[in-house]
Amino acid sequence: RSNHTPNTNVPPEVTVLPNKPVEL
């Protein structure tokens, strides 16, 4: 019905963080 219209690609936002305060 949509004449094979593809999904709109929305790029992700990425964050990296530790689960708890870091101790060596």
PDB file of all heavy atoms in Angstrom:
ATOM      1  N   ARG A   1       0.818  -1.217   0.000  1.00  0.00           N
ATOM      2  CA  ARG A   1       0.000   0.000   0.000  1.00  0.00           C
ATOM      3  C   ARG A   1       0.849   1.264   0.000  1.00  0.00           C
ATOM      4  O   ARG A   1       0.417   2.309  -0.477  1.00  0.00           O
ATOM      5  CB  ARG A   1      -0.927  -0.005   1.215  1.00  0.00           C
ATOM      6  CG  ARG A   1      -2.057  -1.035   1.112  1.00  0.00           C
ATOM      7  CD  ARG A   1      -2.969  -0.964   2.316  1.00  0.00           C
ATOM      8  NE  ARG A   1      -4.093  -1.900   2.188  1.00  0.00           N
ATOM      9  CZ  ARG A   1      -5.047  -2.063   3.113  1.00  0.00           C
ATOM     10  NH1 ARG A   1      -5.005  -1.348   4.234  1.00  0.00           N
ATOM     11  NH2 ARG A   1      -6.020  -2.926   2.907  1.00  0.00           N
ATOM     12  N   SER A   2       2.066   1.177   0.557  1.00  0.00           N
ATOM     13  CA  SER A   2       2.952   2.346   0.600  1.00  0.00           C
ATOM     14  C   SER A   2       3.897   2.399  -0.589  1.00  0.00           C
ATOM     15  O   SER A   2       4.817   3.221  -0.607  1.00  0.00           O
ATOM     16  CB  SER A   2       3.771   2.323   1.894  1.00  0.00           C
ATOM     17  OG  SER A   2       4.671   1.213   1.893  1.00  0.00           O
ATOM     18  N   ASN A   3       3.656   1.525  -1.570  1.00  0.00           N
ATOM     19  CA  ASN A   3       4.498   1.485  -2.767  1.00  0.00           C
ATOM     20  C   ASN A   3       5.956   1.227  -2.390  1.00  0.00           C
ATOM     21  O   ASN A   3       6.872   1.849  -2.924  1.00  0.00           O
ATOM     22  CB  ASN A   3       4.376   2.786  -3.571  1.00  0.00           C
ATOM     23  CG  ASN A   3       4.908   2.638  -4.987  1.00  0.00           C
ATOM     24  OD1 ASN A   3       4.954   1.531  -5.532  1.00  0.00           O
ATOM     25  ND2 ASN A   3       5.325   3.753  -5.584  1.00  0.00           N
ATOM     26  N   HIS A   4       6.143   0.312  -1.431  1.00  0.00           N
ATOM     27  CA  HIS A   4       7.482  -0.128  -1.000  1.00  0.00           C
ATOM     28  C   HIS A   4       8.322   1.031  -0.439  1.00  0.00           C
ATOM     29  O   HIS A   4       9.541   1.078  -0.636  1.00  0.00           O
ATOM     30  CB  HIS A   4       8.225  -0.814  -2.142  1.00  0.00           C
ATOM     31  CG  HIS A   4       7.572  -2.094  -2.580  1.00  0.00           C
ATOM     32  ND1 HIS A   4       7.992  -3.319  -2.153  1.00  0.00           N
ATOM     33  CD2 HIS A   4       6.503  -2.321  -3.398  1.00  0.00           C
ATOM     34  CE1 HIS A   4       7.228  -4.269  -2.681  1.00  0.00           C
ATOM     35  NE2 HIS A   4       6.304  -3.687  -3.450  1.00  0.00           N
ATOM     36  N   THR A   5       7.665   1.964   0.254  1.00  0.00           N
ATOM     37  CA  THR A   5       8.389   3.065   0.890  1.00  0.00           C
ATOM     38  C   THR A   5       9.183   2.533   2.077  1.00  0.00           C
ATOM     39  O   THR A   5       8.617   1.907   2.981  1.00  0.00           O
ATOM     40  CB  THR A   5       7.411   4.141   1.380  1.00  0.00           C
ATOM     41  OG1 THR A   5       6.648   4.607   0.275  1.00  0.00           O
ATOM     42  CG2 THR A   5       8.172   5.313   2.011  1.00  0.00           C
ATOM     43  N   PRO A   6      10.495   2.760   2.094  1.00  0.00           N
ATOM     44  CA  PRO A   6      11.320   2.208   3.187  1.00  0.00           C
ATOM     45  C   PRO A   6      11.126   2.976   4.491  1.00  0.00           C
ATOM     46  O   PRO A   6      10.630   4.104   4.521  1.00  0.00           O
ATOM     47  CB  PRO A   6      12.750   2.370   2.665  1.00  0.00           C
ATOM     48  CG  PRO A   6      12.675   3.545   1.745  1.00  0.00           C
ATOM     49  CD  PRO A   6      11.319   3.476   1.096  1.00  0.00           C
ATOM     50  N   ASN A   7      11.526   2.330   5.566  1.00  0.00           N
ATOM     51  CA  ASN A   7      11.503   2.966   6.877  1.00  0.00           C
ATOM     52  C   ASN A   7      12.523   4.096   6.930  1.00  0.00           C
ATOM     53  O   ASN A   7      13.583   4.047   6.307  1.00  0.00           O
ATOM     54  CB  ASN A   7      11.853   1.915   7.948  1.00  0.00           C
ATOM     55  CG  ASN A   7      11.811   2.488   9.349  1.00  0.00           C
ATOM     56  OD1 ASN A   7      10.753   2.706   9.897  1.00  0.00           O
ATOM     57  ND2 ASN A   7      12.993   2.711   9.935  1.00  0.00           N
ATOM     58  N   THR A   8      12.190   5.166   7.672  1.00  0.00           N
ATOM     59  CA  THR A   8      13.134   6.280   7.846  1.00  0.00           C
ATOM     60  C   THR A   8      14.222   5.870   8.834  1.00  0.00           C
ATOM     61  O   THR A   8      13.928   5.402   9.942  1.00  0.00           O
ATOM     62  CB  THR A   8      12.408   7.524   8.379  1.00  0.00           C
ATOM     63  OG1 THR A   8      11.388   7.900   7.452  1.00  0.00           O
ATOM     64  CG2 THR A   8      13.381   8.685   8.554  1.00  0.00           C
ATOM     65  N   ASN A   9      15.469   6.043   8.441  1.00  0.00           N
ATOM     66  CA  ASN A   9      16.591   5.685   9.309  1.00  0.00           C
ATOM     67  C   ASN A   9      16.906   6.829  10.269  1.00  0.00           C
ATOM     68  O   ASN A   9      17.210   7.949   9.837  1.00  0.00           O
ATOM     69  CB  ASN A   9      17.832   5.360   8.478  1.00  0.00           C
ATOM     70  CG  ASN A   9      17.647   4.119   7.639  1.00  0.00           C
ATOM     71  OD1 ASN A   9      16.959   3.179   8.041  1.00  0.00           O
ATOM     72  ND2 ASN A   9      18.257   4.092   6.465  1.00  0.00           N
ATOM     73  N   VAL A  10      16.819   6.573  11.552  1.00  0.00           N
ATOM     74  CA  VAL A  10      17.157   7.557  12.582  1.00  0.00           C
ATOM     75  C   VAL A  10      18.410   7.074  13.295  1.00  0.00           C
ATOM     76  O   VAL A  10      18.390   6.020  13.946  1.00  0.00           O
ATOM     77  CB  VAL A  10      16.006   7.731  13.592  1.00  0.00           C
ATOM     78  CG1 VAL A  10      16.374   8.777  14.639  1.00  0.00           C
ATOM     79  CG2 VAL A  10      14.715   8.113  12.872  1.00  0.00           C
ATOM     80  N   PRO A  11      19.538   7.801  13.179  1.00  0.00           N
ATOM     81  CA  PRO A  11      20.793   7.330  13.779  1.00  0.00           C
ATOM     82  C   PRO A  11      20.740   7.365  15.305  1.00  0.00           C
ATOM     83  O   PRO A  11      20.035   8.201  15.891  1.00  0.00           O
ATOM     84  CB  PRO A  11      21.835   8.320  13.240  1.00  0.00           C
ATOM     85  CG  PRO A  11      21.053   9.563  12.942  1.00  0.00           C
ATOM     86  CD  PRO A  11      19.706   9.102  12.490  1.00  0.00           C
ATOM     87  N   PRO A  12      21.480   6.481  15.946  1.00  0.00           N
ATOM     88  CA  PRO A  12      21.431   6.397  17.413  1.00  0.00           C
ATOM     89  C   PRO A  12      22.312   7.429  18.101  1.00  0.00           C
ATOM     90  O   PRO A  12      23.259   7.964  17.519  1.00  0.00           O
ATOM     91  CB  PRO A  12      21.965   4.989  17.676  1.00  0.00           C
ATOM     92  CG  PRO A  12      22.933   4.750  16.553  1.00  0.00           C
ATOM     93  CD  PRO A  12      22.329   5.426  15.360  1.00  0.00           C
ATOM     94  N   GLU A  13      21.955   7.699  19.356  1.00  0.00           N
ATOM     95  CA  GLU A  13      22.831   8.426  20.272  1.00  0.00           C
ATOM     96  C   GLU A  13      23.483   7.384  21.181  1.00  0.00           C
ATOM     97  O   GLU A  13      22.797   6.498  21.694  1.00  0.00           O
ATOM     98  CB  GLU A  13      22.039   9.433  21.098  1.00  0.00           C
ATOM     99  CG  GLU A  13      21.375  10.524  20.270  1.00  0.00           C
ATOM    100  CD  GLU A  13      20.560  11.486  21.127  1.00  0.00           C
ATOM    101  OE1 GLU A  13      20.569  11.329  22.376  1.00  0.00           O
ATOM    102  OE2 GLU A  13      19.903  12.374  20.554  1.00  0.00           O
ATOM    103  N   VAL A  14      24.789   7.482  21.387  1.00  0.00           N
ATOM    104  CA  VAL A  14      25.517   6.447  22.127  1.00  0.00           C
ATOM    105  C   VAL A  14      26.251   7.060  23.317  1.00  0.00           C
ATOM    106  O   VAL A  14      26.914   8.098  23.187  1.00  0.00           O
ATOM    107  CB  VAL A  14      26.523   5.712  21.211  1.00  0.00           C
ATOM    108  CG1 VAL A  14      27.239   4.605  21.995  1.00  0.00           C
ATOM    109  CG2 VAL A  14      25.815   5.126  19.995  1.00  0.00           C
ATOM    110  N   THR A  15      26.123   6.409  24.462  1.00  0.00           N
ATOM    111  CA  THR A  15      26.805   6.847  25.678  1.00  0.00           C
ATOM    112  C   THR A  15      27.466   5.642  26.330  1.00  0.00           C
ATOM    113  O   THR A  15      26.859   4.568  26.409  1.00  0.00           O
ATOM    114  CB  THR A  15      25.822   7.480  26.675  1.00  0.00           C
ATOM    115  OG1 THR A  15      25.118   8.547  26.036  1.00  0.00           O
ATOM    116  CG2 THR A  15      26.545   8.021  27.896  1.00  0.00           C
ATOM    117  N   VAL A  16      28.701   5.811  26.796  1.00  0.00           N
ATOM    118  CA  VAL A  16      29.401   4.740  27.519  1.00  0.00           C
ATOM    119  C   VAL A  16      29.700   5.232  28.933  1.00  0.00           C
ATOM    120  O   VAL A  16      30.243   6.326  29.119  1.00  0.00           O
ATOM    121  CB  VAL A  16      30.713   4.338  26.814  1.00  0.00           C
ATOM    122  CG1 VAL A  16      31.477   3.320  27.648  1.00  0.00           C
ATOM    123  CG2 VAL A  16      30.417   3.764  25.438  1.00  0.00           C
ATOM    124  N   LEU A  17      29.344   4.428  29.911  1.00  0.00           N
ATOM    125  CA  LEU A  17      29.561   4.807  31.304  1.00  0.00           C
ATOM    126  C   LEU A  17      29.721   3.552  32.162  1.00  0.00           C
ATOM    127  O   LEU A  17      29.238   2.482  31.793  1.00  0.00           O
ATOM    128  CB  LEU A  17      28.401   5.645  31.827  1.00  0.00           C
ATOM    129  CG  LEU A  17      27.032   4.963  31.987  1.00  0.00           C
ATOM    130  CD1 LEU A  17      26.159   5.788  32.921  1.00  0.00           C
ATOM    131  CD2 LEU A  17      26.328   4.805  30.646  1.00  0.00           C
ATOM    132  N   PRO A  18      30.400   3.670  33.312  1.00  0.00           N
ATOM    133  CA  PRO A  18      30.550   2.516  34.202  1.00  0.00           C
ATOM    134  C   PRO A  18      29.304   2.320  35.036  1.00  0.00           C
ATOM    135  O   PRO A  18      28.538   3.256  35.289  1.00  0.00           O
ATOM    136  CB  PRO A  18      31.754   2.901  35.062  1.00  0.00           C
ATOM    137  CG  PRO A  18      31.726   4.402  35.088  1.00  0.00           C
ATOM    138  CD  PRO A  18      31.186   4.833  33.755  1.00  0.00           C
ATOM    139  N   ASN A  19      29.111   1.099  35.507  1.00  0.00           N
ATOM    140  CA  ASN A  19      27.937   0.774  36.302  1.00  0.00           C
ATOM    141  C   ASN A  19      28.002   1.388  37.700  1.00  0.00           C
ATOM    142  O   ASN A  19      26.970   1.693  38.293  1.00  0.00           O
ATOM    143  CB  ASN A  19      27.805  -0.751  36.419  1.00  0.00           C
ATOM    144  CG  ASN A  19      26.571  -1.175  37.168  1.00  0.00           C
ATOM    145  OD1 ASN A  19      25.464  -0.751  36.859  1.00  0.00           O
ATOM    146  ND2 ASN A  19      26.750  -2.009  38.195  1.00  0.00           N
ATOM    147  N   LYS A  20      29.220   1.590  38.213  1.00  0.00           N
ATOM    148  CA  LYS A  20      29.406   2.166  39.542  1.00  0.00           C
ATOM    149  C   LYS A  20      30.710   2.948  39.550  1.00  0.00           C
ATOM    150  O   LYS A  20      31.503   2.851  38.611  1.00  0.00           O
ATOM    151  CB  LYS A  20      29.426   1.063  40.604  1.00  0.00           C
ATOM    152  CG  LYS A  20      30.537   0.042  40.419  1.00  0.00           C
ATOM    153  CD  LYS A  20      30.446  -1.073  41.449  1.00  0.00           C
ATOM    154  CE  LYS A  20      31.566  -2.109  41.247  1.00  0.00           C
ATOM    155  NZ  LYS A  20      31.476  -3.210  42.236  1.00  0.00           N
ATOM    156  N   PRO A  21      30.966   3.770  40.578  1.00  0.00           N
ATOM    157  CA  PRO A  21      32.230   4.520  40.634  1.00  0.00           C
ATOM    158  C   PRO A  21      33.430   3.596  40.441  1.00  0.00           C
ATOM    159  O   PRO A  21      33.492   2.505  40.999  1.00  0.00           O
ATOM    160  CB  PRO A  21      32.202   5.133  42.040  1.00  0.00           C
ATOM    161  CG  PRO A  21      30.746   5.266  42.352  1.00  0.00           C
ATOM    162  CD  PRO A  21      30.083   4.088  41.714  1.00  0.00           C
ATOM    163  N   VAL A  22      34.373   4.067  39.634  1.00  0.00           N
ATOM    164  CA  VAL A  22      35.494   3.211  39.226  1.00  0.00           C
ATOM    165  C   VAL A  22      36.635   3.283  40.235  1.00  0.00           C
ATOM    166  O   VAL A  22      37.082   4.372  40.621  1.00  0.00           O
ATOM    167  CB  VAL A  22      36.011   3.628  37.833  1.00  0.00           C
ATOM    168  CG1 VAL A  22      37.219   2.776  37.435  1.00  0.00           C
ATOM    169  CG2 VAL A  22      34.897   3.484  36.799  1.00  0.00           C
ATOM    170  N   GLU A  23      37.090   2.099  40.665  1.00  0.00           N
ATOM    171  CA  GLU A  23      38.276   1.959  41.506  1.00  0.00           C
ATOM    172  C   GLU A  23      39.221   0.987  40.819  1.00  0.00           C
ATOM    173  O   GLU A  23      38.797  -0.078  40.362  1.00  0.00           O
ATOM    174  CB  GLU A  23      37.903   1.443  42.898  1.00  0.00           C
ATOM    175  CG  GLU A  23      36.972   2.354  43.690  1.00  0.00           C
ATOM    176  CD  GLU A  23      37.640   3.642  44.132  1.00  0.00           C
ATOM    177  OE1 GLU A  23      38.895   3.678  44.114  1.00  0.00           O
ATOM    178  OE2 GLU A  23      36.919   4.586  44.485  1.00  0.00           O
ATOM    179  N   LEU A  24      40.486   1.357  40.713  1.00  0.00           N
ATOM    180  CA  LEU A  24      41.463   0.483  40.056  1.00  0.00           C
ATOM    181  C   LEU A  24      41.503  -0.887  40.725  1.00  0.00           C
ATOM    182  O   LEU A  24      41.547  -0.999  41.949  1.00  0.00           O
ATOM    183  CB  LEU A  24      42.848   1.131  40.095  1.00  0.00           C
ATOM    184  CG  LEU A  24      43.054   2.364  39.209  1.00  0.00           C
ATOM    185  CD1 LEU A  24      44.445   2.950  39.419  1.00  0.00           C
ATOM    186  CD2 LEU A  24      42.856   2.020  37.736  1.00  0.00           C
TER     187      LEU A  24
END
